[in-house]
Amino acid sequence: MFEELEKINYRPKPFEYYTAEELWADEYTSKKMLQFHLDESVDISSRNIKFIERSVEWITSYFGVNKTKSIADFGCGPGLYTTRLAQKGAMVTGIDFSRSSINYAQNTARDNGLEIDYIRQNYLTFETDKKIDLIIMIMCDFCALSPKQRKELLQKFYKLLKHDGSILLDVYSLKVFDEKVEQSSYKAESLNGFWSPEKHYIFLNTFKYNDEKVILDKYTIVEKGRIKTVYNWLQYYSRESLTDEFEKNGFKVKNMYSDAAGSNYNHNSSEMAIVAQKAI
């Protein structure tokens, strides 16, 4: 028991482990995650529906979305953005490695007579010969990636975009990081059995890495005969650190907002959204 508790409370190095598939590609948890995606009132897997609709209208206006525009949504989930952008006339590609979400998105596209190219794949390994006008990555997915993964992804974006192509993505701000505290908790089950259909116990350790501006929520799920650990990493940004990361990878920052719906930038906002253009 002591050795297991030592493992549960072990503090890893920042981004030492990557367990995204445990969250997004596992058959059981991906179905539970889809339920959160489709709950229009909450901001858990996706933004609430009112925000999404406002965001799509702003994206359509800001980027001039029409039938000539090609858009790729990295981490598209069940197609809440891709469906609406395709209805605006855009040529849309959605990438996500949740089978449940992609199946739902494909069914929605079929039911609405929309031609959307959905690809079930980890977007870190996605490749295509197509050139894209706009890449979106919404719900702060960028924050869940390690520095190495983010660098590789920005290089991928640069390669995929047309010469004047743009990126829109959002991140968590340092305001949220400053409010976080380290803590440990233990409970029987959680989130209505999100992690497992079997009886289980949850250990949650929240670690704060002040130098790197990183938070880790480390979930240890204990079932009869099995223990699994999921590492939920999040990188937090200042306006300057986000700008610097993009400029070092070949992009020119065009604008910064408080969210992916174009709200005016406010340094007290919990999030930031960046519009960056491929530098020539």
Protein backbone atom coordinates (compact mmCIF):
# COMPACT_ATOMS: atom_id res chain seq x y z
CA MET A 1 0.00 0.00 0.00
CA PHE A 2 2.80 2.44 0.90
CA GLU A 3 4.50 1.92 -2.49
CA GLU A 4 1.24 2.54 -4.34
CA LEU A 5 0.65 5.75 -2.36
CA GLU A 6 4.17 6.86 -3.24
CA LYS A 7 3.38 6.37 -6.93
CA ILE A 8 0.05 8.17 -6.59
CA ASN A 9 1.68 11.19 -4.97
CA TYR A 10 4.77 11.23 -7.23
CA ARG A 11 5.41 14.67 -8.73
CA PRO A 12 6.59 14.20 -12.34
CA LYS A 13 8.65 16.63 -14.35
CA PRO A 14 6.58 19.01 -16.51
CA PHE A 15 5.01 17.05 -19.39
CA GLU A 16 6.94 13.91 -18.41
CA TYR A 17 3.97 11.71 -19.35
CA TYR A 18 1.46 11.99 -22.19
CA THR A 19 -1.82 10.11 -21.69
CA ALA A 20 -4.23 11.92 -24.00
CA GLU A 21 -5.50 8.67 -25.48
CA GLU A 22 -6.74 7.59 -22.04
CA LEU A 23 -9.02 10.60 -22.11
CA TRP A 24 -10.05 10.96 -25.74
CA ALA A 25 -9.64 7.60 -27.46
CA ASP A 26 -10.67 5.12 -24.78
CA GLU A 27 -14.03 3.69 -25.88
CA TYR A 28 -15.77 4.24 -22.55
CA THR A 29 -14.41 7.68 -21.62
CA SER A 30 -14.78 9.00 -25.18
CA LYS A 31 -18.51 8.25 -25.00
CA LYS A 32 -18.74 10.04 -21.66
CA MET A 33 -16.79 12.96 -23.12
CA LEU A 34 -19.22 13.11 -26.03
CA GLN A 35 -22.06 13.57 -23.55
CA PHE A 36 -20.26 16.63 -22.17
CA HIS A 37 -19.65 17.92 -25.74
CA LEU A 38 -23.36 17.74 -26.44
CA ASP A 39 -24.52 19.36 -23.20
CA GLU A 40 -25.23 22.81 -24.61
CA SER A 41 -25.28 24.53 -21.22
CA VAL A 42 -21.76 23.78 -19.97
CA ASP A 43 -18.11 24.50 -20.84
CA ILE A 44 -16.47 21.13 -20.22
CA SER A 45 -15.52 19.36 -23.45
CA SER A 46 -16.81 22.15 -25.69
CA ARG A 47 -17.94 25.71 -25.19
CA ASN A 48 -21.61 26.27 -24.40
CA ILE A 49 -23.84 26.62 -27.43
CA LYS A 50 -24.41 30.37 -27.10
CA PHE A 51 -20.66 30.98 -27.14
CA ILE A 52 -20.14 28.67 -30.12
CA GLU A 53 -22.79 30.46 -32.16
CA ARG A 54 -21.32 33.85 -31.27
CA SER A 55 -17.83 32.57 -32.04
CA VAL A 56 -18.83 31.19 -35.45
CA GLU A 57 -20.48 34.46 -36.42
CA TRP A 58 -17.34 36.38 -35.46
CA ILE A 59 -15.04 33.93 -37.30
CA THR A 60 -17.24 34.18 -40.39
CA SER A 61 -17.06 37.96 -40.36
CA TYR A 62 -13.41 38.37 -39.37
CA PHE A 63 -11.96 35.81 -41.79
CA GLY A 64 -14.48 36.34 -44.60
CA VAL A 65 -15.73 32.76 -44.52
CA ASN A 66 -17.39 31.74 -47.78
CA LYS A 67 -17.32 28.90 -50.32
CA THR A 68 -13.73 29.78 -51.34
CA LYS A 69 -12.33 29.37 -47.83
CA SER A 70 -10.78 26.13 -46.57
CA ILE A 71 -10.81 25.59 -42.80
CA ALA A 72 -9.28 22.85 -40.65
CA ASP A 73 -10.48 22.34 -37.08
CA PHE A 74 -7.84 20.57 -34.98
CA GLY A 75 -9.63 18.76 -32.18
CA CYS A 76 -13.04 19.14 -33.82
CA GLY A 77 -14.92 16.89 -31.37
CA PRO A 78 -18.48 16.13 -32.56
CA GLY A 79 -18.40 18.93 -35.14
CA LEU A 80 -19.95 21.82 -33.25
CA TYR A 81 -17.77 24.33 -35.14
CA THR A 82 -17.21 22.39 -38.36
CA THR A 83 -20.94 21.89 -38.96
CA ARG A 84 -21.69 25.58 -38.58
CA LEU A 85 -18.72 26.71 -40.66
CA ALA A 86 -19.69 24.29 -43.44
CA GLN A 87 -23.20 25.76 -43.33
CA LYS A 88 -21.53 29.12 -44.00
CA GLY A 89 -20.19 27.60 -47.21
CA ALA A 90 -16.60 26.86 -46.21
CA MET A 91 -14.66 23.76 -47.27
CA VAL A 92 -14.10 22.15 -43.87
CA THR A 93 -11.86 19.43 -42.47
CA GLY A 94 -12.20 18.15 -38.90
CA ILE A 95 -9.50 16.14 -37.12
CA ASP A 96 -10.06 14.31 -33.84
CA PHE A 97 -9.02 10.93 -32.46
CA SER A 98 -12.21 10.21 -30.55
CA ARG A 99 -14.15 7.57 -32.48
CA SER A 100 -17.39 8.51 -30.71
CA SER A 101 -17.04 12.20 -31.59
CA ILE A 102 -16.04 11.62 -35.21
CA ASN A 103 -18.92 9.18 -35.75
CA TYR A 104 -21.35 11.72 -34.32
CA ALA A 105 -19.89 14.50 -36.49
CA GLN A 106 -20.10 12.36 -39.66
CA ASN A 107 -23.72 11.46 -38.93
CA THR A 108 -24.57 15.13 -38.36
CA ALA A 109 -22.94 16.11 -41.64
CA ARG A 110 -24.84 13.41 -43.51
CA ASP A 111 -28.16 14.37 -41.91
CA ASN A 112 -27.61 18.00 -42.90
CA GLY A 113 -26.37 17.31 -46.41
CA LEU A 114 -22.93 18.77 -45.70
CA GLU A 115 -19.66 17.68 -47.28
CA ILE A 116 -17.16 17.76 -44.43
CA ASP A 117 -13.92 15.80 -44.46
CA TYR A 118 -13.62 14.14 -41.05
CA ILE A 119 -10.42 12.34 -40.08
CA ARG A 120 -10.12 10.17 -36.98
CA GLN A 121 -6.51 10.68 -36.03
CA ASN A 122 -4.31 12.28 -33.40
CA TYR A 123 -3.85 15.74 -34.89
CA LEU A 124 -0.18 15.66 -33.90
CA THR A 125 0.39 13.10 -36.67
CA PHE A 126 -2.04 14.56 -39.22
CA GLU A 127 -0.66 15.26 -42.71
CA THR A 128 -2.25 16.40 -45.96
CA ASP A 129 -1.18 17.85 -49.30
CA LYS A 130 -4.08 20.32 -49.18
CA LYS A 131 -3.32 23.97 -48.46
CA ILE A 132 -5.56 25.64 -45.90
CA ASP A 133 -6.77 29.23 -45.42
CA LEU A 134 -7.60 28.98 -41.73
CA ILE A 135 -6.70 26.59 -38.91
CA ILE A 136 -8.72 26.75 -35.70
CA MET A 137 -7.99 25.04 -32.39
CA ILE A 138 -10.53 26.00 -29.76
CA MET A 139 -11.14 25.06 -26.11
CA CYS A 140 -7.50 25.70 -25.10
CA ASP A 141 -6.27 22.41 -26.59
CA PHE A 142 -2.92 24.06 -27.31
CA CYS A 143 -2.30 24.33 -23.54
CA ALA A 144 -2.44 20.56 -23.08
CA LEU A 145 0.64 20.01 -25.25
CA SER A 146 4.29 19.95 -24.21
CA PRO A 147 6.71 22.59 -25.54
CA LYS A 148 8.07 20.02 -28.02
CA GLN A 149 4.58 19.05 -29.20
CA ARG A 150 3.56 22.71 -29.56
CA LYS A 151 6.64 23.51 -31.59
CA GLU A 152 6.02 20.54 -33.90
CA LEU A 153 2.37 21.51 -34.25
CA LEU A 154 3.17 25.12 -35.16
CA GLN A 155 5.64 23.84 -37.74
CA LYS A 156 2.87 21.63 -39.11
CA PHE A 157 0.49 24.60 -39.24
CA TYR A 158 3.09 26.63 -41.13
CA LYS A 159 3.47 23.85 -43.68
CA LEU A 160 -0.29 23.34 -44.13
CA LEU A 161 -1.31 26.99 -44.45
CA LYS A 162 -1.47 28.95 -47.67
CA HIS A 163 1.01 31.81 -47.97
CA ASP A 164 -1.44 34.23 -46.33
CA GLY A 165 -3.15 31.62 -44.10
CA SER A 166 -4.11 32.24 -40.49
CA ILE A 167 -4.45 30.47 -37.14
CA LEU A 168 -7.06 31.11 -34.48
CA LEU A 169 -6.61 29.39 -31.14
CA ASP A 170 -7.21 30.11 -27.47
CA VAL A 171 -5.17 29.54 -24.31
CA TYR A 172 -5.44 29.99 -20.56
CA SER A 173 -3.96 33.17 -19.08
CA LEU A 174 -1.60 33.68 -16.15
CA LYS A 175 -4.49 35.15 -14.19
CA VAL A 176 -5.91 31.64 -13.87
CA PHE A 177 -2.49 30.16 -13.11
CA ASP A 178 -1.96 32.60 -10.25
CA GLU A 179 -5.25 31.52 -8.69
CA LYS A 180 -4.39 27.81 -8.77
CA VAL A 181 -3.16 26.04 -5.65
CA GLU A 182 -1.61 22.65 -5.11
CA GLN A 183 -3.92 20.15 -3.48
CA SER A 184 -4.73 16.47 -3.12
CA SER A 185 -8.11 14.80 -2.84
CA TYR A 186 -9.65 11.36 -2.71
CA LYS A 187 -13.19 10.25 -3.44
CA ALA A 188 -15.26 7.27 -4.47
CA GLU A 189 -16.12 7.65 -8.16
CA SER A 190 -16.70 11.11 -9.67
CA LEU A 191 -18.47 12.91 -12.51
CA ASN A 192 -21.24 10.30 -12.58
CA GLY A 193 -18.84 7.48 -13.34
CA PHE A 194 -16.85 9.34 -15.99
CA TRP A 195 -13.68 7.29 -15.61
CA SER A 196 -15.14 3.80 -15.41
CA PRO A 197 -18.46 1.93 -15.42
CA GLU A 198 -17.10 -0.19 -12.56
CA LYS A 199 -16.83 0.81 -8.93
CA HIS A 200 -13.67 2.87 -8.55
CA TYR A 201 -11.82 5.38 -6.44
CA ILE A 202 -10.20 8.63 -7.60
CA PHE A 203 -7.02 10.21 -6.32
CA LEU A 204 -6.48 13.71 -7.69
CA ASN A 205 -3.16 15.50 -7.21
CA THR A 206 -2.84 19.04 -8.49
CA PHE A 207 0.77 20.13 -8.96
CA LYS A 208 1.84 23.70 -9.74
CA TYR A 209 5.11 24.41 -11.59
CA ASN A 210 5.81 28.07 -11.00
CA ASP A 211 8.86 28.44 -13.23
CA GLU A 212 7.22 26.80 -16.25
CA LYS A 213 3.70 28.22 -15.64
CA VAL A 214 2.25 24.73 -15.87
CA ILE A 215 -0.48 22.98 -13.88
CA LEU A 216 -0.89 19.22 -13.71
CA ASP A 217 -4.07 17.49 -12.60
CA LYS A 218 -2.96 13.92 -12.05
CA TYR A 219 -5.85 11.45 -11.82
CA THR A 220 -5.20 7.99 -10.42
CA ILE A 221 -8.20 5.73 -11.00
CA VAL A 222 -8.27 2.61 -8.85
CA GLU A 223 -10.55 -0.25 -9.89
CA LYS A 224 -10.63 -3.83 -8.69
CA GLY A 225 -7.66 -5.40 -10.45
CA ARG A 226 -6.53 -2.25 -12.27
CA ILE A 227 -4.93 1.13 -11.59
CA LYS A 228 -4.57 3.73 -14.33
CA THR A 229 -3.18 7.25 -14.26
CA VAL A 230 -4.19 10.14 -16.48
CA TYR A 231 -2.07 13.29 -16.65
CA ASN A 232 -3.93 16.46 -17.59
CA TRP A 233 -1.26 19.09 -18.27
CA LEU A 234 -2.05 22.74 -18.93
CA GLN A 235 0.33 25.49 -19.99
CA TYR A 236 -0.59 29.08 -19.03
CA TYR A 237 0.44 32.19 -20.93
CA SER A 238 1.06 35.89 -20.71
CA ARG A 239 0.38 37.97 -23.77
CA GLU A 240 4.14 38.29 -24.26
CA SER A 241 4.94 34.58 -23.90
CA LEU A 242 2.21 33.58 -26.36
CA THR A 243 3.36 36.16 -28.90
CA ASP A 244 6.97 35.03 -28.51
CA GLU A 245 6.09 31.36 -29.08
CA PHE A 246 4.29 32.12 -32.33
CA GLU A 247 6.88 34.55 -33.67
CA LYS A 248 9.69 32.07 -33.03
CA ASN A 249 7.85 29.57 -35.23
CA GLY A 250 7.33 31.77 -38.28
CA PHE A 251 4.08 33.58 -37.53
CA LYS A 252 3.14 37.22 -37.28
CA VAL A 253 0.64 38.00 -34.54
CA LYS A 254 -2.21 40.01 -36.01
CA ASN A 255 -4.51 40.42 -33.02
CA MET A 256 -5.13 39.24 -29.48
CA TYR A 257 -8.56 38.84 -27.89
CA SER A 258 -10.04 37.70 -24.59
CA ASP A 259 -11.75 34.73 -26.25
CA ALA A 260 -12.32 32.98 -29.56
CA ALA A 261 -15.43 35.06 -30.19
CA GLY A 262 -13.48 38.28 -30.68
CA SER A 263 -14.07 39.93 -27.31
CA ASN A 264 -11.73 42.87 -26.73
CA TYR A 265 -8.49 41.92 -25.01
CA ASN A 266 -8.52 42.40 -21.25
CA HIS A 267 -5.47 41.54 -19.14
CA ASN A 268 -7.81 40.30 -16.40
CA SER A 269 -9.44 37.73 -18.66
CA SER A 270 -9.03 34.05 -17.80
CA GLU A 271 -8.29 33.23 -21.44
CA MET A 272 -6.68 34.71 -24.53
CA ALA A 273 -7.27 34.07 -28.20
CA ILE A 274 -4.62 34.75 -30.80
CA VAL A 275 -4.93 35.40 -34.51
CA ALA A 276 -1.61 34.77 -36.20
CA GLN A 277 -0.70 34.82 -39.88
CA LYS A 278 1.96 32.87 -41.68
CA ALA A 279 4.94 35.19 -42.14
CA ILE A 280 6.40 35.28 -45.62
